[in-house]
PDB file of N, CA and C in Angstrom:
ATOM      1  N   PHE A   1      45.516 210.910   6.997  1.00  0.00           N
ATOM      2  CA  PHE A   1      45.955 211.902   6.032  1.00  0.00           C
ATOM      3  C   PHE A   1      44.788 212.361   5.141  1.00  0.00           C
ATOM      4  N   LYS A   2      43.985 211.409   4.732  1.00  0.00           N
ATOM      5  CA  LYS A   2      42.871 211.755   3.837  1.00  0.00           C
ATOM      6  C   LYS A   2      41.859 212.656   4.535  1.00  0.00           C
ATOM      7  N   ASN A   3      41.687 212.453   5.831  1.00  0.00           N
ATOM      8  CA  ASN A   3      40.768 213.309   6.580  1.00  0.00           C
ATOM      9  C   ASN A   3      41.281 214.737   6.672  1.00  0.00           C
ATOM     10  N   ILE A   4      42.574 214.903   6.764  1.00  0.00           N
ATOM     11  CA  ILE A   4      43.134 216.258   6.793  1.00  0.00           C
ATOM     12  C   ILE A   4      42.754 216.999   5.516  1.00  0.00           C
ATOM     13  N   LEU A   5      42.915 216.334   4.377  1.00  0.00           N
ATOM     14  CA  LEU A   5      42.592 216.991   3.102  1.00  0.00           C
ATOM     15  C   LEU A   5      41.089 217.145   2.917  1.00  0.00           C
ATOM     16  N   LYS A   6      40.326 216.236   3.498  1.00  0.00           N
ATOM     17  CA  LYS A   6      38.873 216.360   3.425  1.00  0.00           C
ATOM     18  C   LYS A   6      38.409 217.612   4.171  1.00  0.00           C
ATOM     19  N   ASP A   7      39.044 217.880   5.309  1.00  0.00           N
ATOM     20  CA  ASP A   7      38.691 219.036   6.125  1.00  0.00           C
ATOM     21  C   ASP A   7      39.304 220.337   5.613  1.00  0.00           C
ATOM     22  N   ASP A   8      40.448 220.232   4.951  1.00  0.00           N
ATOM     23  CA  ASP A   8      41.174 221.422   4.488  1.00  0.00           C
ATOM     24  C   ASP A   8      41.875 221.118   3.166  1.00  0.00           C
ATOM     25  N   ALA A   9      41.136 221.219   2.077  1.00  0.00           N
ATOM     26  CA  ALA A   9      41.656 220.852   0.756  1.00  0.00           C
ATOM     27  C   ALA A   9      42.836 221.718   0.323  1.00  0.00           C
ATOM     28  N   ASP A  10      42.927 222.922   0.812  1.00  0.00           N
ATOM     29  CA  ASP A  10      44.015 223.829   0.430  1.00  0.00           C
ATOM     30  C   ASP A  10      45.133 223.851   1.465  1.00  0.00           C
ATOM     31  N   ASN A  11      45.297 222.770   2.181  1.00  0.00           N
ATOM     32  CA  ASN A  11      46.304 222.677   3.230  1.00  0.00           C
ATOM     33  C   ASN A  11      47.688 223.031   2.691  1.00  0.00           C
ATOM     34  N   LEU A  12      48.423 223.778   3.471  1.00  0.00           N
ATOM     35  CA  LEU A  12      49.769 224.214   3.115  1.00  0.00           C
ATOM     36  C   LEU A  12      50.690 223.030   2.818  1.00  0.00           C
ATOM     37  N   TYR A  13      50.445 221.904   3.453  1.00  0.00           N
ATOM     38  CA  TYR A  13      51.283 220.717   3.305  1.00  0.00           C
ATOM     39  C   TYR A  13      50.665 219.656   2.394  1.00  0.00           C
ATOM     40  N   ARG A  14      49.832 220.066   1.481  1.00  0.00           N
ATOM     41  CA  ARG A  14      49.099 219.144   0.613  1.00  0.00           C
ATOM     42  C   ARG A  14      50.022 218.170  -0.122  1.00  0.00           C
ATOM     43  N   GLU A  15      51.099 218.666  -0.683  1.00  0.00           N
ATOM     44  CA  GLU A  15      52.020 217.788  -1.415  1.00  0.00           C
ATOM     45  C   GLU A  15      52.574 216.709  -0.484  1.00  0.00           C
ATOM     46  N   ASP A  16      53.015 217.104   0.689  1.00  0.00           N
ATOM     47  CA  ASP A  16      53.553 216.141   1.652  1.00  0.00           C
ATOM     48  C   ASP A  16      52.491 215.126   2.078  1.00  0.00           C
ATOM     49  N   ILE A  17      51.288 215.602   2.294  1.00  0.00           N
ATOM     50  CA  ILE A  17      50.210 214.714   2.727  1.00  0.00           C
ATOM     51  C   ILE A  17      49.886 213.693   1.645  1.00  0.00           C
ATOM     52  N   LEU A  18      49.804 214.124   0.402  1.00  0.00           N
ATOM     53  CA  LEU A  18      49.532 213.189  -0.690  1.00  0.00           C
ATOM     54  C   LEU A  18      50.668 212.185  -0.856  1.00  0.00           C
ATOM     55  N   TYR A  19      51.888 212.654  -0.694  1.00  0.00           N
ATOM     56  CA  TYR A  19      53.048 211.764  -0.767  1.00  0.00           C
ATOM     57  C   TYR A  19      52.996 210.725   0.347  1.00  0.00           C
ATOM     58  N   LEU A  20      52.757 211.163   1.558  1.00  0.00           N
ATOM     59  CA  LEU A  20      52.709 210.238   2.692  1.00  0.00           C
ATOM     60  C   LEU A  20      51.528 209.283   2.594  1.00  0.00           C
ATOM     61  N   THR A  21      50.435 209.728   2.027  1.00  0.00           N
ATOM     62  CA  THR A  21      49.290 208.852   1.804  1.00  0.00           C
ATOM     63  C   THR A  21      49.677 207.717   0.865  1.00  0.00           C
ATOM     64  N   ALA A  22      50.341 208.056  -0.224  1.00  0.00           N
ATOM     65  CA  ALA A  22      50.772 207.041  -1.184  1.00  0.00           C
ATOM     66  C   ALA A  22      51.795 206.090  -0.553  1.00  0.00           C
ATOM     67  N   MET A  23      52.751 206.639   0.166  1.00  0.00           N
ATOM     68  CA  MET A  23      53.761 205.800   0.803  1.00  0.00           C
ATOM     69  C   MET A  23      53.119 204.852   1.824  1.00  0.00           C
ATOM     70  N   SER A  24      52.164 205.346   2.571  1.00  0.00           N
ATOM     71  CA  SER A  24      51.463 204.516   3.550  1.00  0.00           C
ATOM     72  C   SER A  24      50.683 203.403   2.862  1.00  0.00           C
ATOM     73  N   SER A  25      50.044 203.729   1.763  1.00  0.00           N
ATOM     74  CA  SER A  25      49.284 202.720   1.018  1.00  0.00           C
ATOM     75  C   SER A  25      50.201 201.624   0.498  1.00  0.00           C
ATOM     76  N   TYR A  26      51.364 202.019   0.018  1.00  0.00           N
ATOM     77  CA  TYR A  26      52.308 201.031  -0.495  1.00  0.00           C
ATOM     78  C   TYR A  26      52.790 200.117   0.639  1.00  0.00           C
ATOM     79  N   LYS A  27      53.177 200.695   1.746  1.00  0.00           N
ATOM     80  CA  LYS A  27      53.678 199.905   2.868  1.00  0.00           C
ATOM     81  C   LYS A  27      52.588 198.980   3.407  1.00  0.00           C
ATOM     82  N   TYR A  28      51.371 199.467   3.462  1.00  0.00           N
ATOM     83  CA  TYR A  28      50.249 198.653   3.930  1.00  0.00           C
ATOM     84  C   TYR A  28      50.066 197.443   3.016  1.00  0.00           C
ATOM     85  N   ALA A  29      50.115 197.666   1.715  1.00  0.00           N
ATOM     86  CA  ALA A  29      49.984 196.570   0.748  1.00  0.00           C
ATOM     87  C   ALA A  29      51.149 195.592   0.896  1.00  0.00           C
ATOM     88  N   GLN A  30      52.326 196.119   1.013  1.00  0.00           N
ATOM     89  CA  GLN A  30      53.526 195.295   1.109  1.00  0.00           C
ATOM     90  C   GLN A  30      53.491 194.371   2.335  1.00  0.00           C
ATOM     91  N   LEU A  31      52.965 194.859   3.429  1.00  0.00           N
ATOM     92  CA  LEU A  31      52.942 194.099   4.674  1.00  0.00           C
ATOM     93  C   LEU A  31      51.663 193.282   4.871  1.00  0.00           C
ATOM     94  N   SER A  32      50.767 193.331   3.902  1.00  0.00           N
ATOM     95  CA  SER A  32      49.498 192.626   4.005  1.00  0.00           C
ATOM     96  C   SER A  32      49.651 191.136   3.706  1.00  0.00           C
ATOM     97  N   VAL A  33      48.667 190.383   4.131  1.00  0.00           N
ATOM     98  CA  VAL A  33      48.635 188.960   3.779  1.00  0.00           C
ATOM     99  C   VAL A  33      48.468 188.855   2.264  1.00  0.00           C
ATOM    100  N   PRO A  34      49.013 187.817   1.656  1.00  0.00           N
ATOM    101  CA  PRO A  34      48.980 187.694   0.197  1.00  0.00           C
ATOM    102  C   PRO A  34      47.582 187.834  -0.431  1.00  0.00           C
ATOM    103  N   GLU A  35      46.556 187.356   0.258  1.00  0.00           N
ATOM    104  CA  GLU A  35      45.199 187.429  -0.291  1.00  0.00           C
ATOM    105  C   GLU A  35      44.693 188.867  -0.445  1.00  0.00           C
ATOM    106  N   LYS A  36      45.227 189.777   0.345  1.00  0.00           N
ATOM    107  CA  LYS A  36      44.778 191.175   0.325  1.00  0.00           C
ATOM    108  C   LYS A  36      45.713 192.105  -0.444  1.00  0.00           C
ATOM    109  N   GLN A  37      46.888 191.638  -0.790  1.00  0.00           N
ATOM    110  CA  GLN A  37      47.883 192.524  -1.393  1.00  0.00           C
ATOM    111  C   GLN A  37      47.418 193.145  -2.695  1.00  0.00           C
ATOM    112  N   ARG A  38      46.836 192.376  -3.579  1.00  0.00           N
ATOM    113  CA  ARG A  38      46.437 192.905  -4.895  1.00  0.00           C
ATOM    114  C   ARG A  38      45.533 194.130  -4.758  1.00  0.00           C
ATOM    115  N   GLU A  39      44.487 193.998  -3.981  1.00  0.00           N
ATOM    116  CA  GLU A  39      43.551 195.119  -3.836  1.00  0.00           C
ATOM    117  C   GLU A  39      44.214 196.316  -3.146  1.00  0.00           C
ATOM    118  N   ARG A  40      45.133 196.058  -2.250  1.00  0.00           N
ATOM    119  CA  ARG A  40      45.794 197.146  -1.538  1.00  0.00           C
ATOM    120  C   ARG A  40      46.854 197.825  -2.406  1.00  0.00           C
ATOM    121  N   TYR A  41      47.478 197.073  -3.297  1.00  0.00           N
ATOM    122  CA  TYR A  41      48.370 197.718  -4.269  1.00  0.00           C
ATOM    123  C   TYR A  41      47.566 198.605  -5.225  1.00  0.00           C
ATOM    124  N   LEU A  42      46.343 198.213  -5.536  1.00  0.00           N
ATOM    125  CA  LEU A  42      45.488 199.055  -6.384  1.00  0.00           C
ATOM    126  C   LEU A  42      45.160 200.375  -5.693  1.00  0.00           C
ATOM    127  N   VAL A  43      44.992 200.349  -4.381  1.00  0.00           N
ATOM    128  CA  VAL A  43      44.779 201.590  -3.626  1.00  0.00           C
ATOM    129  C   VAL A  43      46.021 202.465  -3.735  1.00  0.00           C
ATOM    130  N   PHE A  44      47.195 201.865  -3.600  1.00  0.00           N
ATOM    131  CA  PHE A  44      48.434 202.629  -3.778  1.00  0.00           C
ATOM    132  C   PHE A  44      48.491 203.255  -5.162  1.00  0.00           C
ATOM    133  N   ILE A  45      48.155 202.489  -6.182  1.00  0.00           N
ATOM    134  CA  ILE A  45      48.204 203.011  -7.555  1.00  0.00           C
ATOM    135  C   ILE A  45      47.279 204.209  -7.705  1.00  0.00           C
ATOM    136  N   ASP A  46      46.098 204.149  -7.114  1.00  0.00           N
ATOM    137  CA  ASP A  46      45.192 205.308  -7.128  1.00  0.00           C
ATOM    138  C   ASP A  46      45.831 206.509  -6.430  1.00  0.00           C
ATOM    139  N   ASP A  47      46.432 206.263  -5.280  1.00  0.00           N
ATOM    140  CA  ASP A  47      47.089 207.346  -4.547  1.00  0.00           C
ATOM    141  C   ASP A  47      48.273 207.906  -5.336  1.00  0.00           C
ATOM    142  N   TYR A  48      48.985 207.033  -6.016  1.00  0.00           N
ATOM    143  CA  TYR A  48      50.106 207.459  -6.870  1.00  0.00           C
ATOM    144  C   TYR A  48      49.617 208.413  -7.961  1.00  0.00           C
ATOM    145  N   PHE A  49      48.560 208.027  -8.656  1.00  0.00           N
ATOM    146  CA  PHE A  49      48.042 208.880  -9.729  1.00  0.00           C
ATOM    147  C   PHE A  49      47.471 210.193  -9.190  1.00  0.00           C
ATOM    148  N   ASN A  50      46.904 210.172  -8.000  1.00  0.00           N
ATOM    149  CA  ASN A  50      46.445 211.425  -7.385  1.00  0.00           C
ATOM    150  C   ASN A  50      47.619 212.374  -7.159  1.00  0.00           C
ATOM    151  N   PHE A  51      48.719 211.833  -6.636  1.00  0.00           N
ATOM    152  CA  PHE A  51      49.900 212.645  -6.389  1.00  0.00           C
ATOM    153  C   PHE A  51      50.481 213.181  -7.692  1.00  0.00           C
ATOM    154  N   VAL A  52      50.702 212.300  -8.652  1.00  0.00           N
ATOM    155  CA  VAL A  52      51.317 212.691  -9.923  1.00  0.00           C
ATOM    156  C   VAL A  52      50.424 213.677 -10.688  1.00  0.00           C
ATOM    157  N   GLY A  53      49.129 213.507 -10.570  1.00  0.00           N
ATOM    158  CA  GLY A  53      48.201 214.426 -11.227  1.00  0.00           C
ATOM    159  C   GLY A  53      48.313 215.846 -10.707  1.00  0.00           C
ATOM    160  N   GLU A  54      48.576 215.984  -9.439  1.00  0.00           N
ATOM    161  CA  GLU A  54      48.673 217.319  -8.839  1.00  0.00           C
ATOM    162  C   GLU A  54      50.093 217.872  -8.803  1.00  0.00           C
ATOM    163  N   TYR A  55      51.070 216.991  -8.693  1.00  0.00           N
ATOM    164  CA  TYR A  55      52.474 217.430  -8.550  1.00  0.00           C
ATOM    165  C   TYR A  55      53.401 216.657  -9.489  1.00  0.00           C
ATOM    166  N   PRO A  56      53.199 216.806 -10.786  1.00  0.00           N
ATOM    167  CA  PRO A  56      54.012 216.029 -11.743  1.00  0.00           C
ATOM    168  C   PRO A  56      55.500 216.375 -11.719  1.00  0.00           C
ATOM    169  N   GLU A  57      55.858 217.541 -11.250  1.00  0.00           N
ATOM    170  CA  GLU A  57      57.261 217.961 -11.227  1.00  0.00           C
ATOM    171  C   GLU A  57      57.900 217.846  -9.838  1.00  0.00           C
ATOM    172  N   SER A  58      57.232 217.181  -8.926  1.00  0.00           N
ATOM    173  CA  SER A  58      57.722 217.074  -7.554  1.00  0.00           C
ATOM    174  C   SER A  58      59.029 216.286  -7.474  1.00  0.00           C
ATOM    175  N   LYS A  59      59.874 216.685  -6.553  1.00  0.00           N
ATOM    176  CA  LYS A  59      61.112 215.947  -6.291  1.00  0.00           C
ATOM    177  C   LYS A  59      60.811 214.587  -5.669  1.00  0.00           C
ATOM    178  N   LYS A  60      59.663 214.474  -5.055  1.00  0.00           N
ATOM    179  CA  LYS A  60      59.269 213.219  -4.403  1.00  0.00           C
ATOM    180  C   LYS A  60      58.737 212.188  -5.397  1.00  0.00           C
ATOM    181  N   ARG A  61      58.526 212.607  -6.609  1.00  0.00           N
ATOM    182  CA  ARG A  61      57.920 211.717  -7.596  1.00  0.00           C
ATOM    183  C   ARG A  61      58.804 210.520  -7.933  1.00  0.00           C
ATOM    184  N   ALA A  62      60.104 210.696  -7.956  1.00  0.00           N
ATOM    185  CA  ALA A  62      61.005 209.608  -8.351  1.00  0.00           C
ATOM    186  C   ALA A  62      60.805 208.371  -7.473  1.00  0.00           C
ATOM    187  N   GLU A  63      60.681 208.581  -6.184  1.00  0.00           N
ATOM    188  CA  GLU A  63      60.475 207.452  -5.274  1.00  0.00           C
ATOM    189  C   GLU A  63      59.133 206.779  -5.543  1.00  0.00           C
ATOM    190  N   LEU A  64      58.092 207.576  -5.752  1.00  0.00           N
ATOM    191  CA  LEU A  64      56.777 206.997  -6.036  1.00  0.00           C
ATOM    192  C   LEU A  64      56.761 206.297  -7.388  1.00  0.00           C
ATOM    193  N   ASP A  65      57.487 206.834  -8.374  1.00  0.00           N
ATOM    194  CA  ASP A  65      57.581 206.168  -9.685  1.00  0.00           C
ATOM    195  C   ASP A  65      58.185 204.776  -9.529  1.00  0.00           C
ATOM    196  N   ARG A  66      59.225 204.670  -8.717  1.00  0.00           N
ATOM    197  CA  ARG A  66      59.880 203.385  -8.490  1.00  0.00           C
ATOM    198  C   ARG A  66      58.905 202.390  -7.849  1.00  0.00           C
ATOM    199  N   LEU A  67      58.172 202.837  -6.852  1.00  0.00           N
ATOM    200  CA  LEU A  67      57.213 201.964  -6.185  1.00  0.00           C
ATOM    201  C   LEU A  67      56.058 201.603  -7.104  1.00  0.00           C
ATOM    202  N   TYR A  68      55.658 202.532  -7.952  1.00  0.00           N
ATOM    203  CA  TYR A  68      54.587 202.254  -8.916  1.00  0.00           C
ATOM    204  C   TYR A  68      54.993 201.127  -9.861  1.00  0.00           C
ATOM    205  N   ARG A  69      56.234 201.179 -10.356  1.00  0.00           N
ATOM    206  CA  ARG A  69      56.695 200.108 -11.262  1.00  0.00           C
ATOM    207  C   ARG A  69      56.659 198.746 -10.561  1.00  0.00           C
ATOM    208  N   LEU A  70      57.006 198.725  -9.291  1.00  0.00           N
ATOM    209  CA  LEU A  70      56.945 197.472  -8.543  1.00  0.00           C
ATOM    210  C   LEU A  70      55.497 197.019  -8.299  1.00  0.00           C
ATOM    211  N   ALA A  71      54.640 197.950  -7.969  1.00  0.00           N
ATOM    212  CA  ALA A  71      53.266 197.629  -7.601  1.00  0.00           C
ATOM    213  C   ALA A  71      52.426 197.182  -8.791  1.00  0.00           C
ATOM    214  N   LYS A  72      52.645 197.759  -9.942  1.00  0.00           N
ATOM    215  CA  LYS A  72      51.764 197.428 -11.078  1.00  0.00           C
ATOM    216  C   LYS A  72      51.952 195.995 -11.568  1.00  0.00           C
ATOM    217  N   ASP A  73      53.067 195.380 -11.223  1.00  0.00           N
ATOM    218  CA  ASP A  73      53.337 194.002 -11.626  1.00  0.00           C
ATOM    219  C   ASP A  73      52.863 192.976 -10.589  1.00  0.00           C
ATOM    220  N   ARG A  74      52.273 193.429  -9.528  1.00  0.00           N
ATOM    221  CA  ARG A  74      51.835 192.510  -8.467  1.00  0.00           C
ATOM    222  C   ARG A  74      50.386 192.161  -8.577  1.00  0.00           C
TER     223      ARG A  74
END
C-alpha cells in the first residue's frame, strides 16, 4: 500500500489505502510474537495519525479510533 502512494501520492483511492495500511499494521502487530508487538503497535499508531491527519472526518475513523485506544495501552 505504501508503495502505491509513493508512486502516486494523489491516488484516487488515497483514503482507502491509508485506512487499509493502518488496519494491516494493527493486524500485523496483533498476530506478532509478544517480543515484537510493542514496536509493531507503534507502527500502527503512526499509520493511525497519518490517516487522521488527512481524513479527520472520515466515516472509517471510528474503527481506527477504537483500535488506537487498544493499541496505545499495549
